[in-house]
Amino acid sequence: TLRLSCAASGSIFSIGVMGWYRQAPGNERRLVAT
C-alpha cells in the first residue's frame, strides 16, 4: 500500500475538481481518479 498526498498553495480563491493521473515512459497520461 501507498498513500499519496497533494497540497495546493498560493493565490487560490476556490478549487473545483481535483484528481490523480499517471504516466509510464512511452505512454500517455491517463486519469486514475477524480
All heavy atoms as atom14 arrays in JSON, in Angstrom:
{
  "sequence": "TLRLSCAASGSIFSIGVMGWYRQAPGNERRLVAT",
  "atom14_mask": [
    [1, 1, 1, 1, 1, 1, 1, 0, 0, 0, 0, 0, 0, 0],
    [1, 1, 1, 1, 1, 1, 1, 1, 0, 0, 0, 0, 0, 0],
    [1, 1, 1, 1, 1, 1, 1, 1, 1, 1, 1, 0, 0, 0],
    [1, 1, 1, 1, 1, 1, 1, 1, 0, 0, 0, 0, 0, 0],
    [1, 1, 1, 1, 1, 1, 0, 0, 0, 0, 0, 0, 0, 0],
    [1, 1, 1, 1, 1, 1, 0, 0, 0, 0, 0, 0, 0, 0],
    [1, 1, 1, 1, 1, 0, 0, 0, 0, 0, 0, 0, 0, 0],
    [1, 1, 1, 1, 1, 0, 0, 0, 0, 0, 0, 0, 0, 0],
    [1, 1, 1, 1, 1, 1, 0, 0, 0, 0, 0, 0, 0, 0],
    [1, 1, 1, 1, 0, 0, 0, 0, 0, 0, 0, 0, 0, 0],
    [1, 1, 1, 1, 1, 1, 0, 0, 0, 0, 0, 0, 0, 0],
    [1, 1, 1, 1, 1, 1, 1, 1, 0, 0, 0, 0, 0, 0],
    [1, 1, 1, 1, 1, 1, 1, 1, 1, 1, 1, 0, 0, 0],
    [1, 1, 1, 1, 1, 1, 0, 0, 0, 0, 0, 0, 0, 0],
    [1, 1, 1, 1, 1, 1, 1, 1, 0, 0, 0, 0, 0, 0],
    [1, 1, 1, 1, 0, 0, 0, 0, 0, 0, 0, 0, 0, 0],
    [1, 1, 1, 1, 1, 1, 1, 0, 0, 0, 0, 0, 0, 0],
    [1, 1, 1, 1, 1, 1, 1, 1, 0, 0, 0, 0, 0, 0],
    [1, 1, 1, 1, 0, 0, 0, 0, 0, 0, 0, 0, 0, 0],
    [1, 1, 1, 1, 1, 1, 1, 1, 1, 1, 1, 1, 1, 1],
    [1, 1, 1, 1, 1, 1, 1, 1, 1, 1, 1, 1, 0, 0],
    [1, 1, 1, 1, 1, 1, 1, 1, 1, 1, 1, 0, 0, 0],
    [1, 1, 1, 1, 1, 1, 1, 1, 1, 0, 0, 0, 0, 0],
    [1, 1, 1, 1, 1, 0, 0, 0, 0, 0, 0, 0, 0, 0],
    [1, 1, 1, 1, 1, 1, 1, 0, 0, 0, 0, 0, 0, 0],
    [1, 1, 1, 1, 0, 0, 0, 0, 0, 0, 0, 0, 0, 0],
    [1, 1, 1, 1, 1, 1, 1, 1, 0, 0, 0, 0, 0, 0],
    [1, 1, 1, 1, 1, 1, 1, 1, 1, 0, 0, 0, 0, 0],
    [1, 1, 1, 1, 1, 1, 1, 1, 1, 1, 1, 0, 0, 0],
    [1, 1, 1, 1, 1, 1, 1, 1, 1, 1, 1, 0, 0, 0],
    [1, 1, 1, 1, 1, 1, 1, 1, 0, 0, 0, 0, 0, 0],
    [1, 1, 1, 1, 1, 1, 1, 0, 0, 0, 0, 0, 0, 0],
    [1, 1, 1, 1, 1, 0, 0, 0, 0, 0, 0, 0, 0, 0],
    [1, 1, 1, 1, 1, 1, 1, 0, 0, 0, 0, 0, 0, 0]
  ],
  "atom14_positions": [
    [[0.82, -1.2, 0.0], [0.0, 0.0, 0.0], [0.86, 1.25, 0.0], [1.99, 1.26, 0.5], [-0.93, 0.05, 1.22], [-0.15, 0.2, 2.42], [-1.78, -1.2, 1.32], [0.0, 0.0, 0.0], [0.0, 0.0, 0.0], [0.0, 0.0, 0.0], [0.0, 0.0, 0.0], [0.0, 0.0, 0.0], [0.0, 0.0, 0.0], [0.0, 0.0, 0.0]],
    [[0.31, 2.32, -0.58], [0.89, 3.65, -0.52], [-0.23, 4.66, -0.41], [-1.34, 4.42, -0.9], [1.72, 3.97, -1.76], [3.11, 3.36, -1.9], [3.68, 3.7, -3.28], [4.04, 3.87, -0.82], [0.0, 0.0, 0.0], [0.0, 0.0, 0.0], [0.0, 0.0, 0.0], [0.0, 0.0, 0.0], [0.0, 0.0, 0.0], [0.0, 0.0, 0.0]],
    [[0.05, 5.79, 0.23], [-0.9, 6.88, 0.32], [-0.25, 8.14, -0.22], [0.73, 8.63, 0.34], [-1.37, 7.11, 1.76], [-2.45, 8.18, 1.93], [-2.94, 8.22, 3.36], [-4.03, 9.17, 3.57], [-3.88, 10.35, 4.17], [-2.7, 10.74, 4.61], [-4.94, 11.14, 4.33], [0.0, 0.0, 0.0], [0.0, 0.0, 0.0], [0.0, 0.0, 0.0]],
    [[-0.77, 8.66, -1.32], [-0.26, 9.87, -1.94], [-1.03, 11.08, -1.44], [-2.23, 11.01, -1.2], [-0.38, 9.8, -3.46], [0.25, 8.59, -4.16], [0.09, 8.72, -5.67], [1.71, 8.43, -3.78], [0.0, 0.0, 0.0], [0.0, 0.0, 0.0], [0.0, 0.0, 0.0], [0.0, 0.0, 0.0], [0.0, 0.0, 0.0], [0.0, 0.0, 0.0]],
    [[-0.32, 12.19, -1.3], [-0.93, 13.45, -0.91], [-0.54, 14.53, -1.9], [0.54, 14.5, -2.48], [-0.47, 13.88, 0.5], [-0.82, 12.92, 1.46], [0.0, 0.0, 0.0], [0.0, 0.0, 0.0], [0.0, 0.0, 0.0], [0.0, 0.0, 0.0], [0.0, 0.0, 0.0], [0.0, 0.0, 0.0], [0.0, 0.0, 0.0], [0.0, 0.0, 0.0]],
    [[-1.42, 15.5, -2.09], [-1.13, 16.64, -2.95], [-1.76, 17.87, -2.33], [-2.99, 17.93, -2.17], [-1.66, 16.42, -4.36], [-1.46, 17.85, -5.45], [0.0, 0.0, 0.0], [0.0, 0.0, 0.0], [0.0, 0.0, 0.0], [0.0, 0.0, 0.0], [0.0, 0.0, 0.0], [0.0, 0.0, 0.0], [0.0, 0.0, 0.0], [0.0, 0.0, 0.0]],
    [[-0.94, 18.85, -2.0], [-1.4, 20.09, -1.38], [-1.25, 21.25, -2.35], [-0.17, 21.46, -2.91], [-0.64, 20.37, -0.1], [0.0, 0.0, 0.0], [0.0, 0.0, 0.0], [0.0, 0.0, 0.0], [0.0, 0.0, 0.0], [0.0, 0.0, 0.0], [0.0, 0.0, 0.0], [0.0, 0.0, 0.0], [0.0, 0.0, 0.0], [0.0, 0.0, 0.0]],
    [[-2.32, 22.0, -2.54], [-2.29, 23.2, -3.37], [-2.07, 24.42, -2.49], [-2.67, 24.53, -1.42], [-3.6, 23.34, -4.15], [0.0, 0.0, 0.0], [0.0, 0.0, 0.0], [0.0, 0.0, 0.0], [0.0, 0.0, 0.0], [0.0, 0.0, 0.0], [0.0, 0.0, 0.0], [0.0, 0.0, 0.0], [0.0, 0.0, 0.0], [0.0, 0.0, 0.0]],
    [[-1.2, 25.31, -2.93], [-0.91, 26.51, -2.16], [-0.73, 27.7, -3.1], [-0.58, 27.53, -4.3], [0.34, 26.32, -1.3], [1.48, 26.09, -2.1], [0.0, 0.0, 0.0], [0.0, 0.0, 0.0], [0.0, 0.0, 0.0], [0.0, 0.0, 0.0], [0.0, 0.0, 0.0], [0.0, 0.0, 0.0], [0.0, 0.0, 0.0], [0.0, 0.0, 0.0]],
    [[-0.71, 28.89, -2.52], [-0.55, 30.11, -3.29], [-1.83, 30.9, -3.34], [-2.67, 30.83, -2.44], [0.0, 0.0, 0.0], [0.0, 0.0, 0.0], [0.0, 0.0, 0.0], [0.0, 0.0, 0.0], [0.0, 0.0, 0.0], [0.0, 0.0, 0.0], [0.0, 0.0, 0.0], [0.0, 0.0, 0.0], [0.0, 0.0, 0.0], [0.0, 0.0, 0.0]],
    [[-1.97, 31.68, -4.4], [-3.15, 32.52, -4.58], [-4.29, 31.67, -5.12], [-4.35, 31.38, -6.32], [-2.83, 33.67, -5.52], [-3.97, 34.5, -5.71], [0.0, 0.0, 0.0], [0.0, 0.0, 0.0], [0.0, 0.0, 0.0], [0.0, 0.0, 0.0], [0.0, 0.0, 0.0], [0.0, 0.0, 0.0], [0.0, 0.0, 0.0], [0.0, 0.0, 0.0]],
    [[-5.2, 31.27, -4.23], [-6.32, 30.39, -4.58], [-7.59, 30.92, -3.94], [-7.63, 31.11, -2.72], [-6.08, 28.95, -4.13], [-4.83, 28.38, -4.78], [-7.3, 28.09, -4.45], [-4.4, 27.05, -4.23], [0.0, 0.0, 0.0], [0.0, 0.0, 0.0], [0.0, 0.0, 0.0], [0.0, 0.0, 0.0], [0.0, 0.0, 0.0], [0.0, 0.0, 0.0]],
    [[-8.61, 31.12, -4.75], [-9.91, 31.52, -4.22], [-10.77, 30.31, -3.92], [-11.38, 30.22, -2.86], [-10.62, 32.47, -5.19], [-11.99, 32.88, -4.73], [-12.13, 33.82, -3.71], [-13.13, 32.33, -5.29], [-13.38, 34.2, -3.27], [-14.39, 32.71, -4.86], [-14.51, 33.65, -3.85], [0.0, 0.0, 0.0], [0.0, 0.0, 0.0], [0.0, 0.0, 0.0]],
    [[-10.84, 29.38, -4.87], [-11.63, 28.17, -4.69], [-11.11, 27.08, -5.61], [-10.52, 27.35, -6.64], [-13.12, 28.42, -4.94], [-13.35, 28.8, -6.28], [0.0, 0.0, 0.0], [0.0, 0.0, 0.0], [0.0, 0.0, 0.0], [0.0, 0.0, 0.0], [0.0, 0.0, 0.0], [0.0, 0.0, 0.0], [0.0, 0.0, 0.0], [0.0, 0.0, 0.0]],
    [[-11.36, 25.82, -5.23], [-10.94, 24.67, -6.01], [-12.14, 23.8, -6.32], [-12.92, 23.47, -5.43], [-9.88, 23.82, -5.27], [-8.68, 24.68, -4.89], [-9.46, 22.63, -6.12], [-7.62, 23.93, -4.11], [0.0, 0.0, 0.0], [0.0, 0.0, 0.0], [0.0, 0.0, 0.0], [0.0, 0.0, 0.0], [0.0, 0.0, 0.0], [0.0, 0.0, 0.0]],
    [[-12.29, 23.45, -7.59], [-13.35, 22.56, -8.0], [-12.89, 21.12, -7.95], [-12.54, 20.59, -6.9], [0.0, 0.0, 0.0], [0.0, 0.0, 0.0], [0.0, 0.0, 0.0], [0.0, 0.0, 0.0], [0.0, 0.0, 0.0], [0.0, 0.0, 0.0], [0.0, 0.0, 0.0], [0.0, 0.0, 0.0], [0.0, 0.0, 0.0], [0.0, 0.0, 0.0]],
    [[-12.86, 20.46, -9.12], [-12.44, 19.06, -9.19], [-10.94, 18.93, -8.96], [-10.15, 19.72, -9.48], [-12.83, 18.44, -10.54], [-12.29, 17.02, -10.67], [-14.34, 18.45, -10.73], [0.0, 0.0, 0.0], [0.0, 0.0, 0.0], [0.0, 0.0, 0.0], [0.0, 0.0, 0.0], [0.0, 0.0, 0.0], [0.0, 0.0, 0.0], [0.0, 0.0, 0.0]],
    [[-10.54, 17.94, -8.18], [-9.15, 17.55, -8.03], [-9.02, 16.09, -8.47], [-9.98, 15.33, -8.38], [-8.66, 17.71, -6.6], [-8.8, 19.12, -6.05], [-8.11, 19.32, -4.39], [-6.36, 19.49, -4.78], [0.0, 0.0, 0.0], [0.0, 0.0, 0.0], [0.0, 0.0, 0.0], [0.0, 0.0, 0.0], [0.0, 0.0, 0.0], [0.0, 0.0, 0.0]],
    [[-7.85, 15.72, -8.95], [-7.7, 14.36, -9.44], [-6.27, 13.88, -9.45], [-5.33, 14.64, -9.22], [0.0, 0.0, 0.0], [0.0, 0.0, 0.0], [0.0, 0.0, 0.0], [0.0, 0.0, 0.0], [0.0, 0.0, 0.0], [0.0, 0.0, 0.0], [0.0, 0.0, 0.0], [0.0, 0.0, 0.0], [0.0, 0.0, 0.0], [0.0, 0.0, 0.0]],
    [[-6.14, 12.58, -9.71], [-4.85, 11.93, -9.86], [-4.76, 11.3, -11.24], [-5.72, 10.65, -11.69], [-4.63, 10.86, -8.79], [-4.41, 11.42, -7.43], [-5.33, 11.6, -6.44], [-3.16, 11.87, -6.89], [-4.74, 12.13, -5.33], [-3.4, 12.31, -5.57], [-1.86, 11.94, -7.39], [-2.39, 12.82, -4.75], [-0.86, 12.45, -6.58], [-1.13, 12.88, -5.28]],
    [[-3.62, 11.47, -11.89], [-3.32, 10.9, -13.18], [-1.98, 10.2, -13.09], [-1.18, 10.49, -12.21], [-3.28, 11.98, -14.27], [-4.6, 12.7, -14.47], [-5.07, 13.6, -13.53], [-5.36, 12.47, -15.61], [-6.27, 14.26, -13.71], [-6.56, 13.13, -15.81], [-7.01, 14.02, -14.85], [-8.2, 14.68, -15.05], [0.0, 0.0, 0.0], [0.0, 0.0, 0.0]],
    [[-1.71, 9.28, -14.02], [-0.42, 8.6, -14.01], [0.09, 8.42, -15.42], [-0.67, 8.36, -16.38], [-0.5, 7.26, -13.28], [-1.34, 6.2, -13.97], [-1.48, 4.99, -13.05], [-2.22, 3.9, -13.68], [-2.6, 2.8, -13.06], [-2.32, 2.64, -11.77], [-3.27, 1.86, -13.72], [0.0, 0.0, 0.0], [0.0, 0.0, 0.0], [0.0, 0.0, 0.0]],
    [[1.41, 8.32, -15.53], [2.07, 8.19, -16.82], [3.32, 7.35, -16.68], [4.19, 7.64, -15.87], [2.42, 9.58, -17.38], [3.0, 9.56, -18.77], [3.16, 10.96, -19.34], [3.26, 11.94, -18.6], [3.16, 11.07, -20.66], [0.0, 0.0, 0.0], [0.0, 0.0, 0.0], [0.0, 0.0, 0.0], [0.0, 0.0, 0.0], [0.0, 0.0, 0.0]],
    [[3.4, 6.29, -17.49], [4.59, 5.47, -17.59], [5.38, 5.89, -18.82], [4.81, 6.46, -19.76], [4.22, 3.99, -17.67], [0.0, 0.0, 0.0], [0.0, 0.0, 0.0], [0.0, 0.0, 0.0], [0.0, 0.0, 0.0], [0.0, 0.0, 0.0], [0.0, 0.0, 0.0], [0.0, 0.0, 0.0], [0.0, 0.0, 0.0], [0.0, 0.0, 0.0]],
    [[6.7, 5.63, -18.85], [7.51, 6.03, -20.01], [6.95, 5.48, -21.32], [6.62, 4.3, -21.42], [8.88, 5.43, -19.7], [8.93, 5.36, -18.21], [7.52, 5.03, -17.79], [0.0, 0.0, 0.0], [0.0, 0.0, 0.0], [0.0, 0.0, 0.0], [0.0, 0.0, 0.0], [0.0, 0.0, 0.0], [0.0, 0.0, 0.0], [0.0, 0.0, 0.0]],
    [[6.83, 6.35, -22.32], [6.32, 5.95, -23.62], [4.82, 5.92, -23.73], [4.29, 5.64, -24.81], [0.0, 0.0, 0.0], [0.0, 0.0, 0.0], [0.0, 0.0, 0.0], [0.0, 0.0, 0.0], [0.0, 0.0, 0.0], [0.0, 0.0, 0.0], [0.0, 0.0, 0.0], [0.0, 0.0, 0.0], [0.0, 0.0, 0.0], [0.0, 0.0, 0.0]],
    [[4.11, 6.17, -22.63], [2.66, 6.14, -22.63], [2.08, 7.52, -22.37], [2.77, 8.43, -21.89], [2.14, 5.16, -21.58], [2.52, 3.73, -21.88], [2.57, 3.32, -23.03], [2.81, 2.97, -20.83], [0.0, 0.0, 0.0], [0.0, 0.0, 0.0], [0.0, 0.0, 0.0], [0.0, 0.0, 0.0], [0.0, 0.0, 0.0], [0.0, 0.0, 0.0]],
    [[0.81, 7.67, -22.69], [0.13, 8.93, -22.43], [-0.3, 9.01, -20.97], [-0.41, 8.0, -20.28], [-1.1, 9.08, -23.35], [-2.23, 8.12, -23.04], [-2.1, 6.78, -23.73], [-1.01, 6.48, -24.24], [-3.1, 6.03, -23.76], [0.0, 0.0, 0.0], [0.0, 0.0, 0.0], [0.0, 0.0, 0.0], [0.0, 0.0, 0.0], [0.0, 0.0, 0.0]],
    [[-0.51, 10.22, -20.5], [-1.0, 10.44, -19.15], [-2.49, 10.08, -19.09], [-3.28, 10.54, -19.91], [-0.78, 11.89, -18.73], [-1.08, 12.17, -17.27], [-0.7, 13.6, -16.89], [0.73, 13.85, -17.09], [1.33, 14.99, -16.8], [0.64, 16.0, -16.27], [2.63, 15.14, -17.03], [0.0, 0.0, 0.0], [0.0, 0.0, 0.0], [0.0, 0.0, 0.0]],
    [[-2.85, 9.25, -18.13], [-4.22, 8.78, -18.02], [-4.82, 9.06, -16.65], [-4.11, 9.06, -15.64], [-4.3, 7.28, -18.29], [-4.06, 6.9, -19.74], [-4.32, 5.44, -19.97], [-4.42, 5.11, -21.38], [-4.72, 3.91, -21.85], [-4.96, 2.92, -21.03], [-4.78, 3.71, -23.15], [0.0, 0.0, 0.0], [0.0, 0.0, 0.0], [0.0, 0.0, 0.0]],
    [[-6.1, 9.26, -16.63], [-6.83, 9.52, -15.39], [-6.84, 8.28, -14.5], [-7.03, 7.16, -14.98], [-8.26, 9.95, -15.71], [-9.18, 10.32, -14.54], [-10.14, 11.41, -14.98], [-9.97, 9.11, -14.07], [0.0, 0.0, 0.0], [0.0, 0.0, 0.0], [0.0, 0.0, 0.0], [0.0, 0.0, 0.0], [0.0, 0.0, 0.0], [0.0, 0.0, 0.0]],
    [[-6.63, 8.49, -13.21], [-6.77, 7.44, -12.21], [-8.05, 7.63, -11.42], [-8.85, 6.7, -11.27], [-5.56, 7.4, -11.26], [-5.76, 6.33, -10.19], [-4.27, 7.14, -12.04], [0.0, 0.0, 0.0], [0.0, 0.0, 0.0], [0.0, 0.0, 0.0], [0.0, 0.0, 0.0], [0.0, 0.0, 0.0], [0.0, 0.0, 0.0], [0.0, 0.0, 0.0]],
    [[-8.25, 8.83, -10.89], [-9.43, 9.12, -10.08], [-9.63, 10.62, -9.98], [-8.67, 11.39, -10.04], [-9.31, 8.51, -8.68], [0.0, 0.0, 0.0], [0.0, 0.0, 0.0], [0.0, 0.0, 0.0], [0.0, 0.0, 0.0], [0.0, 0.0, 0.0], [0.0, 0.0, 0.0], [0.0, 0.0, 0.0], [0.0, 0.0, 0.0], [0.0, 0.0, 0.0]],
    [[-10.88, 11.04, -9.82], [-11.2, 12.45, -9.59], [-12.19, 12.56, -8.45], [-12.91, 11.6, -8.13], [-11.79, 13.14, -10.83], [-13.02, 12.49, -11.2], [-10.81, 13.1, -11.99], [0.0, 0.0, 0.0], [0.0, 0.0, 0.0], [0.0, 0.0, 0.0], [0.0, 0.0, 0.0], [0.0, 0.0, 0.0], [0.0, 0.0, 0.0], [0.0, 0.0, 0.0]]
  ]
}
